[in-house]
Amino acid sequence: MAATKRMNKELVTKYSDLQLKSSDLIEILRAQCLSRGAAGIKGLAKVFQIMDDNGNKRLDFNEFKKGLHDYGVDIANADCSKLFEMFDKDRNGSIDFEEFLQLLRPPMSMSRRKTVMEAFRKLDKNGKGFVIVEDLKNLYSVKKHPKFISGEWNEERCLKEFLESFELNGHDEKVTEEEFISYYSGVSASIDNDAYFDLMMRKAWKL
């Protein structure tokens, strides 16, 4: 259901090469994140989350620049300024956190997005707009999880860990529609074939 080691390896190879060839600053930033694997954008999001002290979900230039630096993004100061201007659409000196993530994540075709949303809706049966541990119990078996087998973790702890792989907004033990789409946009970037992506999603989520 999550990115496999092979997918992450392919992402690292593909986007490590791309960041050296591209002249588009947003593409370069995206590539630097995804060269770390499917959860690379999520990692940057968590850095920004920590820096958002007042919880307004906006970043000023200094927060943006420090966040990139703390995450190890290799972008020159002048290019960092240009990037900020690209994201600051209304020119008010700050970036909306959600809009930033939407622009940064790799685009998915309509067919792939439709399949991802089908999976999310199957999980979110009550239409809450988010998924919690209870929603996973009938779809995700922890019986093969090594820490469940060893007795170190119970079923609920295993399910919580699985949910955390999708979360962007801290450890609130729920996954929103946006977080689910963001995660699978990273997975999607490692798969060139639409039919294979569709098959993977349908098999994983029993669609």
N, C-alpha and C. Protein backbone atom coordinates (compact mmCIF):
# COMPACT_ATOMS: atom_id res chain seq x y z
N MET A 1 0.83 -1.21 0.00
CA MET A 1 0.00 0.00 0.00
C MET A 1 0.86 1.26 0.00
N ALA A 2 2.05 1.16 0.56
CA ALA A 2 2.98 2.29 0.55
C ALA A 2 4.05 2.04 -0.50
N ALA A 3 4.95 2.99 -0.65
CA ALA A 3 6.00 2.85 -1.65
C ALA A 3 6.93 1.70 -1.28
N THR A 4 7.27 0.88 -2.25
CA THR A 4 8.19 -0.23 -2.02
C THR A 4 9.63 0.27 -2.11
N LYS A 5 10.56 -0.58 -1.68
CA LYS A 5 11.99 -0.22 -1.76
C LYS A 5 12.38 0.00 -3.22
N ARG A 6 11.80 -0.80 -4.13
CA ARG A 6 12.14 -0.65 -5.55
C ARG A 6 11.65 0.70 -6.07
N MET A 7 10.42 1.09 -5.70
CA MET A 7 9.89 2.38 -6.13
C MET A 7 10.76 3.53 -5.62
N ASN A 8 11.15 3.45 -4.35
CA ASN A 8 11.98 4.51 -3.78
C ASN A 8 13.34 4.57 -4.46
N LYS A 9 13.89 3.42 -4.80
CA LYS A 9 15.18 3.38 -5.50
C LYS A 9 15.06 4.04 -6.87
N GLU A 10 13.96 3.75 -7.57
CA GLU A 10 13.73 4.34 -8.89
C GLU A 10 13.54 5.86 -8.78
N LEU A 11 12.85 6.30 -7.74
CA LEU A 11 12.67 7.74 -7.52
C LEU A 11 14.01 8.43 -7.29
N VAL A 12 14.84 7.82 -6.46
CA VAL A 12 16.15 8.40 -6.15
C VAL A 12 16.96 8.56 -7.43
N THR A 13 16.98 7.50 -8.26
CA THR A 13 17.74 7.54 -9.52
C THR A 13 17.18 8.57 -10.48
N LYS A 14 15.86 8.52 -10.68
CA LYS A 14 15.21 9.39 -11.66
C LYS A 14 15.36 10.87 -11.30
N TYR A 15 15.10 11.21 -10.03
CA TYR A 15 15.09 12.61 -9.65
C TYR A 15 16.47 13.15 -9.29
N SER A 16 17.41 12.26 -8.98
CA SER A 16 18.79 12.72 -8.80
C SER A 16 19.34 13.22 -10.13
N ASP A 17 18.99 12.52 -11.20
CA ASP A 17 19.41 12.93 -12.55
C ASP A 17 18.67 14.20 -12.98
N LEU A 18 17.37 14.26 -12.69
CA LEU A 18 16.54 15.36 -13.17
C LEU A 18 16.97 16.71 -12.58
N GLN A 19 17.34 16.71 -11.30
CA GLN A 19 17.70 17.99 -10.67
C GLN A 19 18.97 18.58 -11.28
N LEU A 20 19.79 17.74 -11.93
CA LEU A 20 21.01 18.22 -12.58
C LEU A 20 20.73 18.77 -13.97
N LYS A 21 19.59 18.34 -14.56
CA LYS A 21 19.29 18.71 -15.94
C LYS A 21 18.28 19.85 -16.05
N SER A 22 17.41 19.97 -15.08
CA SER A 22 16.31 20.94 -15.18
C SER A 22 16.79 22.37 -14.92
N SER A 23 16.12 23.32 -15.57
CA SER A 23 16.38 24.74 -15.30
C SER A 23 15.21 25.38 -14.58
N ASP A 24 14.13 24.61 -14.37
CA ASP A 24 12.93 25.09 -13.68
C ASP A 24 13.16 24.95 -12.17
N LEU A 25 13.12 26.06 -11.43
CA LEU A 25 13.45 26.03 -10.00
C LEU A 25 12.49 25.17 -9.19
N ILE A 26 11.20 25.21 -9.53
CA ILE A 26 10.24 24.38 -8.80
C ILE A 26 10.51 22.91 -9.08
N GLU A 27 10.84 22.60 -10.34
CA GLU A 27 11.18 21.22 -10.70
C GLU A 27 12.44 20.76 -9.97
N ILE A 28 13.41 21.66 -9.82
CA ILE A 28 14.64 21.32 -9.11
C ILE A 28 14.36 21.04 -7.64
N LEU A 29 13.53 21.91 -7.00
CA LEU A 29 13.17 21.69 -5.60
C LEU A 29 12.40 20.38 -5.44
N ARG A 30 11.45 20.13 -6.34
CA ARG A 30 10.69 18.88 -6.31
C ARG A 30 11.64 17.68 -6.44
N ALA A 31 12.59 17.80 -7.37
CA ALA A 31 13.54 16.71 -7.61
C ALA A 31 14.42 16.46 -6.40
N GLN A 32 14.84 17.54 -5.72
CA GLN A 32 15.68 17.36 -4.54
C GLN A 32 14.91 16.65 -3.42
N CYS A 33 13.61 16.91 -3.34
CA CYS A 33 12.79 16.21 -2.35
C CYS A 33 12.60 14.75 -2.74
N LEU A 34 12.20 14.50 -3.99
CA LEU A 34 11.88 13.14 -4.42
C LEU A 34 13.11 12.27 -4.62
N SER A 35 14.28 12.88 -4.70
CA SER A 35 15.50 12.08 -4.77
C SER A 35 15.76 11.39 -3.43
N ARG A 36 14.95 11.73 -2.42
CA ARG A 36 15.03 11.07 -1.11
C ARG A 36 13.98 9.96 -0.98
N GLY A 37 13.15 9.78 -2.03
CA GLY A 37 12.12 8.76 -1.98
C GLY A 37 10.72 9.36 -1.98
N ALA A 38 9.70 8.50 -1.97
CA ALA A 38 8.31 8.94 -2.10
C ALA A 38 7.88 9.88 -0.98
N ALA A 39 8.52 9.77 0.19
CA ALA A 39 8.14 10.61 1.32
C ALA A 39 9.01 11.86 1.42
N GLY A 40 9.75 12.19 0.36
CA GLY A 40 10.65 13.33 0.40
C GLY A 40 9.95 14.66 0.58
N ILE A 41 8.83 14.85 -0.11
CA ILE A 41 8.07 16.09 0.04
C ILE A 41 7.46 16.17 1.44
N LYS A 42 7.03 15.01 1.94
CA LYS A 42 6.50 14.96 3.30
C LYS A 42 7.57 15.40 4.30
N GLY A 43 8.82 15.01 4.07
CA GLY A 43 9.90 15.39 4.98
C GLY A 43 10.08 16.89 5.04
N LEU A 44 10.04 17.55 3.87
CA LEU A 44 10.16 19.01 3.83
C LEU A 44 8.96 19.65 4.52
N ALA A 45 7.77 19.08 4.29
CA ALA A 45 6.56 19.61 4.93
C ALA A 45 6.67 19.57 6.44
N LYS A 46 7.26 18.51 6.97
CA LYS A 46 7.40 18.38 8.43
C LYS A 46 8.36 19.42 8.99
N VAL A 47 9.43 19.73 8.22
CA VAL A 47 10.35 20.78 8.65
C VAL A 47 9.62 22.10 8.77
N PHE A 48 8.81 22.43 7.74
CA PHE A 48 8.06 23.68 7.77
C PHE A 48 7.01 23.67 8.88
N GLN A 49 6.44 22.50 9.12
CA GLN A 49 5.43 22.37 10.17
C GLN A 49 6.01 22.74 11.53
N ILE A 50 7.22 22.26 11.79
CA ILE A 50 7.89 22.54 13.05
C ILE A 50 8.16 24.04 13.20
N MET A 51 8.47 24.70 12.08
CA MET A 51 8.82 26.12 12.11
C MET A 51 7.61 27.04 12.22
N ASP A 52 6.43 26.51 11.98
CA ASP A 52 5.22 27.33 12.01
C ASP A 52 4.76 27.51 13.45
N ASP A 53 5.50 28.36 14.18
CA ASP A 53 5.25 28.53 15.61
C ASP A 53 3.86 29.03 15.95
N ASN A 54 3.32 29.95 15.13
CA ASN A 54 2.01 30.51 15.46
C ASN A 54 0.85 29.71 14.87
N GLY A 55 1.16 28.66 14.11
CA GLY A 55 0.12 27.77 13.60
C GLY A 55 -0.77 28.37 12.54
N ASN A 56 -0.30 29.44 11.86
CA ASN A 56 -1.15 30.07 10.84
C ASN A 56 -1.00 29.45 9.46
N LYS A 57 -0.16 28.42 9.38
CA LYS A 57 0.05 27.68 8.13
C LYS A 57 0.52 28.58 6.98
N ARG A 58 1.35 29.56 7.34
CA ARG A 58 1.97 30.41 6.34
C ARG A 58 3.45 30.53 6.67
N LEU A 59 4.26 30.76 5.64
CA LEU A 59 5.71 30.88 5.80
C LEU A 59 6.18 32.22 5.24
N ASP A 60 6.97 32.95 6.02
CA ASP A 60 7.60 34.14 5.45
C ASP A 60 8.92 33.71 4.80
N PHE A 61 9.62 34.66 4.19
CA PHE A 61 10.82 34.30 3.43
C PHE A 61 11.90 33.68 4.32
N ASN A 62 12.11 34.23 5.51
CA ASN A 62 13.15 33.70 6.40
C ASN A 62 12.83 32.28 6.84
N GLU A 63 11.55 32.00 7.12
CA GLU A 63 11.15 30.64 7.49
C GLU A 63 11.35 29.69 6.30
N PHE A 64 10.97 30.16 5.13
CA PHE A 64 11.11 29.36 3.91
C PHE A 64 12.58 29.02 3.66
N LYS A 65 13.44 30.04 3.73
CA LYS A 65 14.86 29.86 3.47
C LYS A 65 15.50 28.93 4.52
N LYS A 66 15.17 29.13 5.78
CA LYS A 66 15.73 28.28 6.85
C LYS A 66 15.23 26.85 6.74
N GLY A 67 13.95 26.69 6.37
CA GLY A 67 13.38 25.35 6.22
C GLY A 67 14.10 24.56 5.14
N LEU A 68 14.35 25.22 4.00
CA LEU A 68 15.07 24.56 2.92
C LEU A 68 16.48 24.18 3.37
N HIS A 69 17.13 25.09 4.08
CA HIS A 69 18.49 24.83 4.56
C HIS A 69 18.51 23.67 5.55
N ASP A 70 17.57 23.69 6.50
CA ASP A 70 17.51 22.63 7.52
C ASP A 70 17.24 21.27 6.91
N TYR A 71 16.51 21.25 5.80
CA TYR A 71 16.20 19.98 5.14
C TYR A 71 17.33 19.53 4.21
N GLY A 72 18.33 20.39 4.03
CA GLY A 72 19.47 20.04 3.20
C GLY A 72 19.27 20.27 1.72
N VAL A 73 18.33 21.17 1.38
CA VAL A 73 18.10 21.49 -0.03
C VAL A 73 19.23 22.41 -0.52
N ASP A 74 19.83 22.02 -1.62
CA ASP A 74 20.98 22.76 -2.16
C ASP A 74 20.53 23.74 -3.24
N ILE A 75 20.13 24.94 -2.80
CA ILE A 75 19.69 25.98 -3.73
C ILE A 75 20.35 27.30 -3.33
N ALA A 76 20.91 28.00 -4.31
CA ALA A 76 21.60 29.27 -4.04
C ALA A 76 20.63 30.30 -3.47
N ASN A 77 21.17 31.26 -2.72
CA ASN A 77 20.33 32.29 -2.08
C ASN A 77 19.48 33.05 -3.09
N ALA A 78 20.08 33.40 -4.23
CA ALA A 78 19.34 34.15 -5.26
C ALA A 78 18.18 33.32 -5.80
N ASP A 79 18.43 32.03 -6.01
CA ASP A 79 17.37 31.14 -6.51
C ASP A 79 16.30 30.91 -5.44
N CYS A 80 16.70 30.93 -4.19
CA CYS A 80 15.75 30.77 -3.09
C CYS A 80 14.76 31.94 -3.10
N SER A 81 15.28 33.13 -3.36
CA SER A 81 14.42 34.32 -3.45
C SER A 81 13.45 34.21 -4.62
N LYS A 82 13.96 33.74 -5.74
CA LYS A 82 13.11 33.56 -6.92
C LYS A 82 12.02 32.52 -6.66
N LEU A 83 12.40 31.43 -6.00
CA LEU A 83 11.43 30.37 -5.66
C LEU A 83 10.32 30.93 -4.78
N PHE A 84 10.71 31.70 -3.78
CA PHE A 84 9.73 32.26 -2.86
C PHE A 84 8.73 33.13 -3.62
N GLU A 85 9.23 33.92 -4.56
CA GLU A 85 8.36 34.79 -5.35
C GLU A 85 7.40 33.97 -6.20
N MET A 86 7.85 32.82 -6.68
CA MET A 86 6.98 31.95 -7.49
C MET A 86 5.82 31.41 -6.66
N PHE A 87 6.11 31.08 -5.39
CA PHE A 87 5.07 30.53 -4.52
C PHE A 87 4.18 31.61 -3.91
N ASP A 88 4.74 32.82 -3.76
CA ASP A 88 3.99 33.93 -3.15
C ASP A 88 3.13 34.61 -4.23
N LYS A 89 2.06 33.94 -4.59
CA LYS A 89 1.21 34.38 -5.71
C LYS A 89 0.59 35.76 -5.49
N ASP A 90 0.16 36.04 -4.27
CA ASP A 90 -0.53 37.31 -4.03
C ASP A 90 0.43 38.42 -3.57
N ARG A 91 1.73 38.10 -3.54
CA ARG A 91 2.76 39.10 -3.23
C ARG A 91 2.55 39.79 -1.87
N ASN A 92 2.15 39.01 -0.89
CA ASN A 92 1.95 39.60 0.44
C ASN A 92 3.09 39.26 1.40
N GLY A 93 4.16 38.65 0.87
CA GLY A 93 5.33 38.37 1.70
C GLY A 93 5.27 37.08 2.47
N SER A 94 4.27 36.24 2.19
CA SER A 94 4.20 34.93 2.85
C SER A 94 3.58 33.90 1.90
N ILE A 95 3.84 32.64 2.20
CA ILE A 95 3.37 31.54 1.36
C ILE A 95 2.34 30.72 2.13
N ASP A 96 1.21 30.46 1.50
CA ASP A 96 0.22 29.57 2.08
C ASP A 96 0.76 28.14 2.03
N PHE A 97 0.81 27.50 3.19
CA PHE A 97 1.43 26.18 3.33
C PHE A 97 0.79 25.14 2.41
N GLU A 98 -0.53 25.08 2.38
CA GLU A 98 -1.23 24.08 1.57
C GLU A 98 -1.00 24.32 0.08
N GLU A 99 -1.06 25.58 -0.34
CA GLU A 99 -0.85 25.90 -1.75
C GLU A 99 0.58 25.56 -2.17
N PHE A 100 1.52 25.78 -1.26
CA PHE A 100 2.92 25.43 -1.52
C PHE A 100 3.06 23.94 -1.80
N LEU A 101 2.44 23.12 -0.95
CA LEU A 101 2.53 21.67 -1.11
C LEU A 101 1.84 21.20 -2.39
N GLN A 102 0.70 21.81 -2.72
CA GLN A 102 -0.02 21.42 -3.92
C GLN A 102 0.79 21.71 -5.17
N LEU A 103 1.51 22.82 -5.18
CA LEU A 103 2.32 23.17 -6.34
C LEU A 103 3.59 22.33 -6.40
N LEU A 104 4.12 21.96 -5.24
CA LEU A 104 5.37 21.21 -5.21
C LEU A 104 5.20 19.74 -5.56
N ARG A 105 4.10 19.15 -5.16
CA ARG A 105 3.96 17.72 -5.40
C ARG A 105 3.86 17.43 -6.90
N PRO A 106 4.36 16.27 -7.35
CA PRO A 106 4.35 15.92 -8.77
C PRO A 106 2.92 15.82 -9.30
N PRO A 107 2.67 16.34 -10.48
CA PRO A 107 1.32 16.24 -11.05
C PRO A 107 0.95 14.80 -11.36
N MET A 108 -0.32 14.45 -11.15
CA MET A 108 -0.82 13.13 -11.52
C MET A 108 -1.85 13.28 -12.62
N SER A 109 -1.90 12.31 -13.51
CA SER A 109 -2.92 12.33 -14.56
C SER A 109 -4.29 12.18 -13.90
N MET A 110 -5.33 12.57 -14.62
CA MET A 110 -6.68 12.48 -14.09
C MET A 110 -7.05 11.04 -13.75
N SER A 111 -6.59 10.09 -14.57
CA SER A 111 -6.92 8.68 -14.33
C SER A 111 -6.28 8.19 -13.04
N ARG A 112 -5.03 8.60 -12.79
CA ARG A 112 -4.35 8.18 -11.56
C ARG A 112 -5.00 8.82 -10.34
N ARG A 113 -5.29 10.11 -10.45
CA ARG A 113 -5.92 10.82 -9.33
C ARG A 113 -7.28 10.19 -9.00
N LYS A 114 -8.01 9.80 -10.04
CA LYS A 114 -9.32 9.17 -9.83
C LYS A 114 -9.17 7.87 -9.04
N THR A 115 -8.14 7.07 -9.37
CA THR A 115 -7.91 5.81 -8.66
C THR A 115 -7.52 6.07 -7.21
N VAL A 116 -6.67 7.07 -6.98
CA VAL A 116 -6.26 7.42 -5.62
C VAL A 116 -7.47 7.86 -4.80
N MET A 117 -8.33 8.67 -5.41
CA MET A 117 -9.53 9.12 -4.70
C MET A 117 -10.49 7.97 -4.43
N GLU A 118 -10.53 7.02 -5.33
CA GLU A 118 -11.38 5.84 -5.12
C GLU A 118 -10.91 5.08 -3.88
N ALA A 119 -9.58 4.97 -3.74
CA ALA A 119 -9.02 4.29 -2.57
C ALA A 119 -9.34 5.06 -1.29
N PHE A 120 -9.20 6.39 -1.35
CA PHE A 120 -9.47 7.20 -0.16
C PHE A 120 -10.93 7.09 0.25
N ARG A 121 -11.81 7.14 -0.73
CA ARG A 121 -13.25 7.06 -0.41
C ARG A 121 -13.61 5.70 0.19
N LYS A 122 -12.90 4.65 -0.25
CA LYS A 122 -13.17 3.33 0.33
C LYS A 122 -12.76 3.32 1.80
N LEU A 123 -11.66 4.00 2.11
CA LEU A 123 -11.22 4.08 3.51
C LEU A 123 -12.15 4.98 4.32
N ASP A 124 -12.49 6.12 3.74
CA ASP A 124 -13.32 7.11 4.43
C ASP A 124 -14.79 6.85 4.14
N LYS A 125 -15.27 5.73 4.64
CA LYS A 125 -16.63 5.28 4.31
C LYS A 125 -17.71 6.24 4.76
N ASN A 126 -17.45 6.97 5.84
CA ASN A 126 -18.47 7.87 6.38
C ASN A 126 -18.36 9.30 5.85
N GLY A 127 -17.42 9.52 4.94
CA GLY A 127 -17.28 10.84 4.34
C GLY A 127 -16.81 11.92 5.29
N LYS A 128 -15.97 11.54 6.27
CA LYS A 128 -15.49 12.51 7.27
C LYS A 128 -14.46 13.47 6.67
N GLY A 129 -13.78 13.03 5.61
CA GLY A 129 -12.71 13.84 5.04
C GLY A 129 -11.35 13.48 5.57
N PHE A 130 -11.30 12.46 6.45
CA PHE A 130 -10.03 11.97 6.97
C PHE A 130 -10.18 10.50 7.37
N VAL A 131 -9.04 9.84 7.53
CA VAL A 131 -9.02 8.41 7.86
C VAL A 131 -8.32 8.23 9.21
N ILE A 132 -8.89 7.38 10.07
CA ILE A 132 -8.29 7.07 11.36
C ILE A 132 -8.03 5.57 11.45
N VAL A 133 -7.45 5.14 12.56
CA VAL A 133 -7.08 3.73 12.74
C VAL A 133 -8.26 2.79 12.51
N GLU A 134 -9.41 3.14 13.03
CA GLU A 134 -10.59 2.27 12.90
C GLU A 134 -10.93 1.99 11.44
N ASP A 135 -10.69 2.98 10.57
CA ASP A 135 -11.01 2.82 9.15
C ASP A 135 -10.09 1.81 8.47
N LEU A 136 -8.91 1.59 9.05
CA LEU A 136 -7.93 0.69 8.43
C LEU A 136 -8.13 -0.77 8.77
N LYS A 137 -8.78 -1.03 9.89
CA LYS A 137 -8.80 -2.38 10.45
C LYS A 137 -9.33 -3.45 9.51
N ASN A 138 -10.29 -3.11 8.68
CA ASN A 138 -10.86 -4.12 7.78
C ASN A 138 -10.11 -4.24 6.46
N LEU A 139 -9.14 -3.32 6.22
CA LEU A 139 -8.44 -3.32 4.94
C LEU A 139 -6.95 -3.64 5.05
N TYR A 140 -6.36 -3.35 6.19
CA TYR A 140 -4.92 -3.52 6.32
C TYR A 140 -4.63 -4.52 7.44
N SER A 141 -4.04 -5.66 7.08
CA SER A 141 -3.71 -6.68 8.07
C SER A 141 -2.30 -6.46 8.60
N VAL A 142 -2.14 -6.52 9.91
CA VAL A 142 -0.82 -6.33 10.52
C VAL A 142 -0.14 -7.67 10.83
N LYS A 143 -0.76 -8.77 10.42
CA LYS A 143 -0.27 -10.08 10.82
C LYS A 143 1.15 -10.39 10.34
N LYS A 144 1.57 -9.73 9.25
CA LYS A 144 2.92 -9.97 8.73
C LYS A 144 3.91 -8.89 9.17
N HIS A 145 3.43 -7.93 9.96
CA HIS A 145 4.32 -6.87 10.44
C HIS A 145 5.31 -7.50 11.44
N PRO A 146 6.62 -7.32 11.24
CA PRO A 146 7.61 -7.98 12.12
C PRO A 146 7.44 -7.67 13.60
N LYS A 147 7.04 -6.44 13.94
CA LYS A 147 6.89 -6.09 15.35
C LYS A 147 5.60 -6.63 15.94
N PHE A 148 4.62 -6.93 15.08
CA PHE A 148 3.40 -7.60 15.55
C PHE A 148 3.71 -9.07 15.80
N ILE A 149 4.47 -9.65 14.88
CA ILE A 149 4.86 -11.07 15.02
C ILE A 149 5.69 -11.28 16.28
N SER A 150 6.60 -10.35 16.56
CA SER A 150 7.47 -10.49 17.73
C SER A 150 6.75 -10.18 19.04
N GLY A 151 5.58 -9.55 18.93
CA GLY A 151 4.83 -9.20 20.13
C GLY A 151 5.19 -7.85 20.70
N GLU A 152 6.13 -7.14 20.03
CA GLU A 152 6.57 -5.83 20.51
C GLU A 152 5.46 -4.79 20.38
N TRP A 153 4.69 -4.86 19.29
CA TRP A 153 3.59 -3.92 19.04
C TRP A 153 2.29 -4.68 18.93
N ASN A 154 1.19 -4.07 19.39
CA ASN A 154 -0.13 -4.64 19.16
C ASN A 154 -0.68 -4.13 17.83
N GLU A 155 -1.88 -4.55 17.47
CA GLU A 155 -2.46 -4.18 16.18
C GLU A 155 -2.61 -2.67 16.05
N GLU A 156 -3.08 -2.02 17.11
CA GLU A 156 -3.32 -0.58 17.01
C GLU A 156 -2.03 0.20 16.80
N ARG A 157 -0.95 -0.21 17.45
CA ARG A 157 0.34 0.49 17.27
C ARG A 157 0.84 0.33 15.83
N CYS A 158 0.67 -0.86 15.27
CA CYS A 158 1.08 -1.10 13.88
C CYS A 158 0.28 -0.23 12.92
N LEU A 159 -1.02 -0.12 13.17
CA LEU A 159 -1.88 0.68 12.31
C LEU A 159 -1.54 2.16 12.42
N LYS A 160 -1.21 2.62 13.63
CA LYS A 160 -0.83 4.02 13.82
C LYS A 160 0.45 4.34 13.04
N GLU A 161 1.40 3.39 13.07
CA GLU A 161 2.64 3.61 12.34
C GLU A 161 2.37 3.70 10.84
N PHE A 162 1.45 2.86 10.36
CA PHE A 162 1.11 2.88 8.94
C PHE A 162 0.49 4.23 8.57
N LEU A 163 -0.42 4.75 9.40
CA LEU A 163 -1.03 6.05 9.14
C LEU A 163 0.02 7.16 9.11
N GLU A 164 1.00 7.08 9.99
CA GLU A 164 2.03 8.12 10.07
C GLU A 164 2.82 8.26 8.78
N SER A 165 2.88 7.18 7.99
CA SER A 165 3.64 7.24 6.73
C SER A 165 2.98 8.20 5.74
N PHE A 166 1.69 8.49 5.93
CA PHE A 166 0.96 9.40 5.04
C PHE A 166 0.85 10.82 5.59
N GLU A 167 1.03 11.00 6.89
CA GLU A 167 0.74 12.28 7.53
C GLU A 167 1.75 13.37 7.17
N LEU A 168 1.23 14.56 6.91
CA LEU A 168 2.06 15.75 6.74
C LEU A 168 1.97 16.65 7.96
N ASN A 169 0.83 16.62 8.63
CA ASN A 169 0.56 17.57 9.71
C ASN A 169 0.80 16.97 11.09
N GLY A 170 2.02 16.50 11.32
CA GLY A 170 2.36 16.00 12.65
C GLY A 170 1.77 14.63 12.92
N HIS A 171 1.69 14.27 14.19
CA HIS A 171 1.20 12.95 14.59
C HIS A 171 -0.20 13.08 15.17
N ASP A 172 -1.16 13.47 14.34
CA ASP A 172 -2.53 13.63 14.85
C ASP A 172 -3.36 12.37 14.66
N GLU A 173 -2.70 11.30 14.16
CA GLU A 173 -3.33 9.98 14.01
C GLU A 173 -4.54 10.00 13.08
N LYS A 174 -4.49 10.88 12.10
CA LYS A 174 -5.50 10.85 11.05
C LYS A 174 -4.87 11.36 9.76
N VAL A 175 -5.38 10.85 8.65
CA VAL A 175 -4.85 11.20 7.33
C VAL A 175 -5.95 11.88 6.54
N THR A 176 -5.71 13.11 6.11
CA THR A 176 -6.69 13.84 5.32
C THR A 176 -6.60 13.45 3.85
N GLU A 177 -7.59 13.87 3.10
CA GLU A 177 -7.61 13.61 1.66
C GLU A 177 -6.36 14.21 1.00
N GLU A 178 -6.01 15.44 1.37
CA GLU A 178 -4.83 16.10 0.79
C GLU A 178 -3.56 15.34 1.10
N GLU A 179 -3.42 14.85 2.33
CA GLU A 179 -2.23 14.09 2.72
C GLU A 179 -2.14 12.79 1.92
N PHE A 180 -3.27 12.14 1.73
CA PHE A 180 -3.32 10.88 0.98
C PHE A 180 -2.90 11.12 -0.48
N ILE A 181 -3.44 12.18 -1.09
CA ILE A 181 -3.09 12.52 -2.48
C ILE A 181 -1.63 12.90 -2.58
N SER A 182 -1.14 13.69 -1.62
CA SER A 182 0.26 14.11 -1.64
C SER A 182 1.19 12.91 -1.58
N TYR A 183 0.86 11.96 -0.71
CA TYR A 183 1.72 10.79 -0.59
C TYR A 183 1.76 10.01 -1.91
N TYR A 184 0.58 9.76 -2.48
CA TYR A 184 0.55 8.95 -3.69
C TYR A 184 1.04 9.70 -4.93
N SER A 185 1.11 11.02 -4.87
CA SER A 185 1.73 11.74 -5.98
C SER A 185 3.22 11.42 -6.01
N GLY A 186 3.82 11.21 -4.83
CA GLY A 186 5.21 10.79 -4.76
C GLY A 186 5.40 9.38 -5.28
N VAL A 187 4.51 8.48 -4.88
CA VAL A 187 4.57 7.11 -5.39
C VAL A 187 4.38 7.09 -6.89
N SER A 188 3.42 7.87 -7.36
CA SER A 188 3.11 7.95 -8.80
C SER A 188 4.33 8.37 -9.61
N ALA A 189 5.13 9.27 -9.04
CA ALA A 189 6.29 9.79 -9.76
C ALA A 189 7.32 8.71 -10.07
N SER A 190 7.26 7.59 -9.35
CA SER A 190 8.21 6.51 -9.58
C SER A 190 7.72 5.51 -10.62
N ILE A 191 6.47 5.68 -11.07
CA ILE A 191 5.86 4.70 -11.98
C ILE A 191 5.48 5.39 -13.29
N ASP A 192 6.09 4.99 -14.38
CA ASP A 192 5.83 5.62 -15.68
C ASP A 192 4.56 5.10 -16.34
N ASN A 193 4.20 3.86 -16.04
CA ASN A 193 3.09 3.21 -16.73
C ASN A 193 1.78 3.39 -15.97
N ASP A 194 0.79 4.03 -16.62
CA ASP A 194 -0.51 4.27 -15.97
C ASP A 194 -1.20 2.97 -15.58
N ALA A 195 -1.14 1.97 -16.46
CA ALA A 195 -1.82 0.71 -16.20
C ALA A 195 -1.24 0.02 -14.97
N TYR A 196 0.09 0.10 -14.81
CA TYR A 196 0.72 -0.53 -13.65
C TYR A 196 0.35 0.20 -12.36
N PHE A 197 0.32 1.54 -12.42
CA PHE A 197 -0.08 2.31 -11.23
C PHE A 197 -1.50 1.94 -10.82
N ASP A 198 -2.39 1.86 -11.80
CA ASP A 198 -3.79 1.51 -11.52
C ASP A 198 -3.87 0.11 -10.90
N LEU A 199 -3.12 -0.84 -11.46
CA LEU A 199 -3.12 -2.21 -10.96
C LEU A 199 -2.60 -2.26 -9.52
N MET A 200 -1.51 -1.52 -9.27
CA MET A 200 -0.92 -1.50 -7.93
C MET A 200 -1.92 -0.98 -6.90
N MET A 201 -2.61 0.12 -7.23
CA MET A 201 -3.57 0.70 -6.30
C MET A 201 -4.76 -0.23 -6.06
N ARG A 202 -5.24 -0.82 -7.12
CA ARG A 202 -6.41 -1.70 -6.99
C ARG A 202 -6.09 -2.96 -6.19
N LYS A 203 -4.89 -3.46 -6.39
CA LYS A 203 -4.49 -4.64 -5.64
C LYS A 203 -4.24 -4.32 -4.16
N ALA A 204 -3.59 -3.18 -3.94
CA ALA A 204 -3.26 -2.78 -2.57
C ALA A 204 -4.49 -2.48 -1.73
N TRP A 205 -5.45 -1.78 -2.31
CA TRP A 205 -6.62 -1.33 -1.56
C TRP A 205 -7.88 -2.13 -1.88
N LYS A 206 -7.72 -3.21 -2.65
CA LYS A 206 -8.85 -4.11 -2.96
C LYS A 206 -10.02 -3.35 -3.58
N LEU A 207 -9.69 -2.57 -4.60
CA LEU A 207 -10.72 -1.75 -5.27
C LEU A 207 -11.51 -2.57 -6.29
